[in-house]
């Protein structure tokens, strides 16, 4: 991997929450040799727009809007090939892409998405709390990634 232009790519399901937050947060570190991007294995099913409302809430509150991509991307072989390190939010995302890796460095984080929110009482408050907890996990993983890698 080149120290000058290391490309780190985050993969989740829809590219409308977790991977976009990870992308924006890593880019906020302003490490000149790093460019973070993101995609989702089912992003083409994202009919609700480019980012979830709870993701947008966090991105605005953290002042990260300018650091994320403006639209979702579907994970594809070409995207994987263009990046140096691939980070999957869960093993499910890795399983979708494992045939694309061709020796690429990768990590699998254990950061689940918000599930079954339609059946929750006071759903908005629970979604906000859950999304904030997920973002804390993403920040911790990104911070650990930066700390444990000399090339950053």
C-alpha atoms as a PDB file:
ATOM      1  CA  UNK A   1       0.000   0.000   0.000  1.00  0.00           C
ATOM      2  CA  UNK A   2       1.206   3.452  -0.830  1.00  0.00           C
ATOM      3  CA  UNK A   3       1.574   5.937   2.021  1.00  0.00           C
ATOM      4  CA  UNK A   4       0.721   8.829  -0.271  1.00  0.00           C
ATOM      5  CA  UNK A   5      -2.675   7.852  -1.574  1.00  0.00           C
ATOM      6  CA  UNK A   6      -4.256   5.199   0.618  1.00  0.00           C
ATOM      7  CA  UNK A   7      -7.896   4.607  -0.235  1.00  0.00           C
ATOM      8  CA  UNK A   8     -10.083   3.159   2.510  1.00  0.00           C
ATOM      9  CA  UNK A   9     -13.553   2.018   1.553  1.00  0.00           C
ATOM     10  CA  UNK A  10     -16.435   1.277   3.935  1.00  0.00           C
ATOM     11  CA  UNK A  11     -19.177  -1.192   2.980  1.00  0.00           C
ATOM     12  CA  UNK A  12     -22.593  -1.606   4.595  1.00  0.00           C
ATOM     13  CA  UNK A  13     -26.062  -2.552   3.348  1.00  0.00           C
ATOM     14  CA  UNK A  14     -27.627   0.588   1.873  1.00  0.00           C
ATOM     15  CA  UNK A  15     -24.854   3.210   1.962  1.00  0.00           C
ATOM     16  CA  UNK A  16     -27.318   5.463   3.709  1.00  0.00           C
ATOM     17  CA  UNK A  17     -26.088   5.357   7.315  1.00  0.00           C
ATOM     18  CA  UNK A  18     -23.142   3.381   8.758  1.00  0.00           C
ATOM     19  CA  UNK A  19     -20.673   3.453   5.864  1.00  0.00           C
ATOM     20  CA  UNK A  20     -21.441   7.115   5.127  1.00  0.00           C
ATOM     21  CA  UNK A  21     -20.804   8.044   8.771  1.00  0.00           C
ATOM     22  CA  UNK A  22     -17.538   6.093   8.794  1.00  0.00           C
ATOM     23  CA  UNK A  23     -16.472   7.748   5.531  1.00  0.00           C
ATOM     24  CA  UNK A  24     -17.223  11.249   6.821  1.00  0.00           C
ATOM     25  CA  UNK A  25     -15.671  10.652  10.239  1.00  0.00           C
ATOM     26  CA  UNK A  26     -12.411   9.246   8.839  1.00  0.00           C
ATOM     27  CA  UNK A  27     -12.229  12.107   6.327  1.00  0.00           C
ATOM     28  CA  UNK A  28     -12.699  14.536   9.253  1.00  0.00           C
ATOM     29  CA  UNK A  29      -9.350  13.323  10.622  1.00  0.00           C
ATOM     30  CA  UNK A  30      -7.734  15.258   7.747  1.00  0.00           C
ATOM     31  CA  UNK A  31      -4.978  12.718   7.201  1.00  0.00           C
ATOM     32  CA  UNK A  32      -3.470  13.932   3.939  1.00  0.00           C
ATOM     33  CA  UNK A  33      -2.528  10.458   2.738  1.00  0.00           C
ATOM     34  CA  UNK A  34      -6.014   8.984   3.302  1.00  0.00           C
ATOM     35  CA  UNK A  35      -9.180   9.214   1.242  1.00  0.00           C
ATOM     36  CA  UNK A  36     -12.257   7.438   2.605  1.00  0.00           C
ATOM     37  CA  UNK A  37     -15.218   6.412   0.461  1.00  0.00           C
ATOM     38  CA  UNK A  38     -18.226   4.156   0.970  1.00  0.00           C
ATOM     39  CA  UNK A  39     -20.834   1.992  -0.736  1.00  0.00           C
ATOM     40  CA  UNK A  40     -23.636  -0.419   0.068  1.00  0.00           C
ATOM     41  CA  UNK A  41     -24.327  -3.930  -1.171  1.00  0.00           C
ATOM     42  CA  UNK A  42     -28.039  -3.096  -1.627  1.00  0.00           C
ATOM     43  CA  UNK A  43     -27.721   0.650  -2.217  1.00  0.00           C
ATOM     44  CA  UNK A  44     -29.749   0.452  -5.412  1.00  0.00           C
ATOM     45  CA  UNK A  45     -32.756  -0.426  -3.216  1.00  0.00           C
ATOM     46  CA  UNK A  46     -32.337   2.865  -1.335  1.00  0.00           C
ATOM     47  CA  UNK A  47     -35.571   4.529  -2.377  1.00  0.00           C
ATOM     48  CA  UNK A  48     -35.745   6.862   0.606  1.00  0.00           C
ATOM     49  CA  UNK A  49     -32.986   9.164  -0.563  1.00  0.00           C
ATOM     50  CA  UNK A  50     -29.241   9.515  -0.228  1.00  0.00           C
ATOM     51  CA  UNK A  51     -28.969   9.164   3.576  1.00  0.00           C
ATOM     52  CA  UNK A  52     -31.307   8.222   6.411  1.00  0.00           C
ATOM     53  CA  UNK A  53     -32.830  11.021   8.460  1.00  0.00           C
ATOM     54  CA  UNK A  54     -31.057   9.762  11.586  1.00  0.00           C
ATOM     55  CA  UNK A  55     -27.747   9.578   9.723  1.00  0.00           C
ATOM     56  CA  UNK A  56     -28.240  13.111   8.426  1.00  0.00           C
ATOM     57  CA  UNK A  57     -29.042  14.266  11.963  1.00  0.00           C
ATOM     58  CA  UNK A  58     -25.685  12.959  13.218  1.00  0.00           C
ATOM     59  CA  UNK A  59     -23.753  14.233  10.214  1.00  0.00           C
ATOM     60  CA  UNK A  60     -25.206  17.718  10.702  1.00  0.00           C
ATOM     61  CA  UNK A  61     -24.642  17.704  14.480  1.00  0.00           C
ATOM     62  CA  UNK A  62     -21.031  16.571  13.997  1.00  0.00           C
ATOM     63  CA  UNK A  63     -20.419  19.095  11.178  1.00  0.00           C
ATOM     64  CA  UNK A  64     -19.455  16.332   8.727  1.00  0.00           C
ATOM     65  CA  UNK A  65     -21.704  17.082   5.739  1.00  0.00           C
ATOM     66  CA  UNK A  66     -18.902  18.344   3.492  1.00  0.00           C
ATOM     67  CA  UNK A  67     -16.841  15.209   4.246  1.00  0.00           C
ATOM     68  CA  UNK A  68     -19.220  12.551   2.935  1.00  0.00           C
ATOM     69  CA  UNK A  69     -20.182  11.682  -0.607  1.00  0.00           C
ATOM     70  CA  UNK A  70     -23.329  13.382  -1.839  1.00  0.00           C
ATOM     71  CA  UNK A  71     -25.053  10.247  -3.089  1.00  0.00           C
ATOM     72  CA  UNK A  72     -25.180   6.526  -2.417  1.00  0.00           C
ATOM     73  CA  UNK A  73     -23.093   4.027  -4.369  1.00  0.00           C
ATOM     74  CA  UNK A  74     -23.765   0.348  -4.909  1.00  0.00           C
ATOM     75  CA  UNK A  75     -20.848  -1.901  -3.981  1.00  0.00           C
ATOM     76  CA  UNK A  76     -19.353  -3.427  -7.101  1.00  0.00           C
ATOM     77  CA  UNK A  77     -16.194  -5.258  -8.126  1.00  0.00           C
ATOM     78  CA  UNK A  78     -14.760  -2.084  -9.695  1.00  0.00           C
ATOM     79  CA  UNK A  79     -15.199  -0.076  -6.480  1.00  0.00           C
ATOM     80  CA  UNK A  80     -13.470  -2.789  -4.440  1.00  0.00           C
ATOM     81  CA  UNK A  81     -10.600  -2.933  -6.953  1.00  0.00           C
ATOM     82  CA  UNK A  82     -10.023   0.829  -6.753  1.00  0.00           C
ATOM     83  CA  UNK A  83      -9.400   0.818  -2.995  1.00  0.00           C
ATOM     84  CA  UNK A  84      -6.538  -0.352  -0.785  1.00  0.00           C
ATOM     85  CA  UNK A  85      -8.348  -1.331   2.408  1.00  0.00           C
ATOM     86  CA  UNK A  86     -11.958  -2.486   2.530  1.00  0.00           C
ATOM     87  CA  UNK A  87     -13.872  -2.300   5.801  1.00  0.00           C
ATOM     88  CA  UNK A  88     -17.097  -4.258   6.058  1.00  0.00           C
ATOM     89  CA  UNK A  89     -19.597  -3.257   8.737  1.00  0.00           C
ATOM     90  CA  UNK A  90     -20.599  -6.913   9.229  1.00  0.00           C
ATOM     91  CA  UNK A  91     -19.648 -10.362   7.968  1.00  0.00           C
ATOM     92  CA  UNK A  92     -22.754 -10.318   5.731  1.00  0.00           C
ATOM     93  CA  UNK A  93     -21.224  -7.458   3.732  1.00  0.00           C
ATOM     94  CA  UNK A  94     -17.918  -9.320   3.480  1.00  0.00           C
ATOM     95  CA  UNK A  95     -19.713 -12.459   2.241  1.00  0.00           C
ATOM     96  CA  UNK A  96     -21.330 -10.423  -0.534  1.00  0.00           C
ATOM     97  CA  UNK A  97     -17.930  -9.083  -1.677  1.00  0.00           C
ATOM     98  CA  UNK A  98     -15.439 -11.845  -0.872  1.00  0.00           C
ATOM     99  CA  UNK A  99     -15.124 -12.904  -4.520  1.00  0.00           C
ATOM    100  CA  UNK A 100     -14.169  -9.313  -5.462  1.00  0.00           C
ATOM    101  CA  UNK A 101     -11.302  -8.970  -2.992  1.00  0.00           C
ATOM    102  CA  UNK A 102      -8.459 -10.596  -4.959  1.00  0.00           C
ATOM    103  CA  UNK A 103      -5.985 -10.310  -2.089  1.00  0.00           C
ATOM    104  CA  UNK A 104      -7.105  -6.858  -0.931  1.00  0.00           C
ATOM    105  CA  UNK A 105      -6.605  -6.018   2.717  1.00  0.00           C
ATOM    106  CA  UNK A 106      -9.882  -5.969   4.583  1.00  0.00           C
ATOM    107  CA  UNK A 107     -11.416  -5.812   8.023  1.00  0.00           C
ATOM    108  CA  UNK A 108     -14.791  -6.913   9.285  1.00  0.00           C
ATOM    109  CA  UNK A 109     -16.233  -4.741  12.017  1.00  0.00           C
ATOM    110  CA  UNK A 110     -19.199  -5.883  14.071  1.00  0.00           C
ATOM    111  CA  UNK A 111     -21.507  -2.891  13.661  1.00  0.00           C
ATOM    112  CA  UNK A 112     -25.100  -3.899  13.061  1.00  0.00           C
ATOM    113  CA  UNK A 113     -27.715  -1.651  11.516  1.00  0.00           C
ATOM    114  CA  UNK A 114     -30.901  -0.377  13.128  1.00  0.00           C
ATOM    115  CA  UNK A 115     -33.443  -3.171  12.682  1.00  0.00           C
ATOM    116  CA  UNK A 116     -37.205  -3.570  13.068  1.00  0.00           C
ATOM    117  CA  UNK A 117     -37.879   0.062  13.920  1.00  0.00           C
ATOM    118  CA  UNK A 118     -41.452  -0.093  12.592  1.00  0.00           C
ATOM    119  CA  UNK A 119     -42.587  -2.100  15.631  1.00  0.00           C
ATOM    120  CA  UNK A 120     -41.068   0.133  18.303  1.00  0.00           C
ATOM    121  CA  UNK A 121     -43.093   2.377  20.577  1.00  0.00           C
ATOM    122  CA  UNK A 122     -41.776   5.927  20.498  1.00  0.00           C
ATOM    123  CA  UNK A 123     -39.781   4.866  17.458  1.00  0.00           C
ATOM    124  CA  UNK A 124     -38.093   8.206  16.734  1.00  0.00           C
ATOM    125  CA  UNK A 125     -36.493   8.454  20.186  1.00  0.00           C
ATOM    126  CA  UNK A 126     -35.342   4.841  20.034  1.00  0.00           C
ATOM    127  CA  UNK A 127     -33.962   5.325  16.528  1.00  0.00           C
ATOM    128  CA  UNK A 128     -32.088   8.440  17.648  1.00  0.00           C
ATOM    129  CA  UNK A 129     -30.594   6.656  20.654  1.00  0.00           C
ATOM    130  CA  UNK A 130     -29.716   3.545  18.619  1.00  0.00           C
ATOM    131  CA  UNK A 131     -28.171   5.601  15.798  1.00  0.00           C
ATOM    132  CA  UNK A 132     -26.072   7.571  18.273  1.00  0.00           C
ATOM    133  CA  UNK A 133     -24.818   4.323  19.831  1.00  0.00           C
ATOM    134  CA  UNK A 134     -23.941   2.971  16.403  1.00  0.00           C
ATOM    135  CA  UNK A 135     -22.084   6.181  15.597  1.00  0.00           C
ATOM    136  CA  UNK A 136     -20.104   5.853  18.854  1.00  0.00           C
ATOM    137  CA  UNK A 137     -19.045   2.355  17.745  1.00  0.00           C
ATOM    138  CA  UNK A 138     -18.052   3.673  14.314  1.00  0.00           C
ATOM    139  CA  UNK A 139     -15.991   6.478  15.873  1.00  0.00           C
ATOM    140  CA  UNK A 140     -14.263   4.019  18.200  1.00  0.00           C
ATOM    141  CA  UNK A 141     -13.402   1.655  15.320  1.00  0.00           C
ATOM    142  CA  UNK A 142     -12.132   4.508  13.116  1.00  0.00           C
ATOM    143  CA  UNK A 143     -10.055   5.916  15.983  1.00  0.00           C
ATOM    144  CA  UNK A 144      -8.609   2.447  16.650  1.00  0.00           C
ATOM    145  CA  UNK A 145      -7.853   2.032  12.933  1.00  0.00           C
ATOM    146  CA  UNK A 146      -5.914   5.297  12.959  1.00  0.00           C
ATOM    147  CA  UNK A 147      -4.036   4.403  16.166  1.00  0.00           C
ATOM    148  CA  UNK A 148      -2.969   0.906  15.186  1.00  0.00           C
ATOM    149  CA  UNK A 149      -1.754   1.632  11.665  1.00  0.00           C
ATOM    150  CA  UNK A 150       1.593   3.300  11.110  1.00  0.00           C
ATOM    151  CA  UNK A 151       0.664   4.215   7.550  1.00  0.00           C
ATOM    152  CA  UNK A 152      -1.898   6.724   8.801  1.00  0.00           C
END
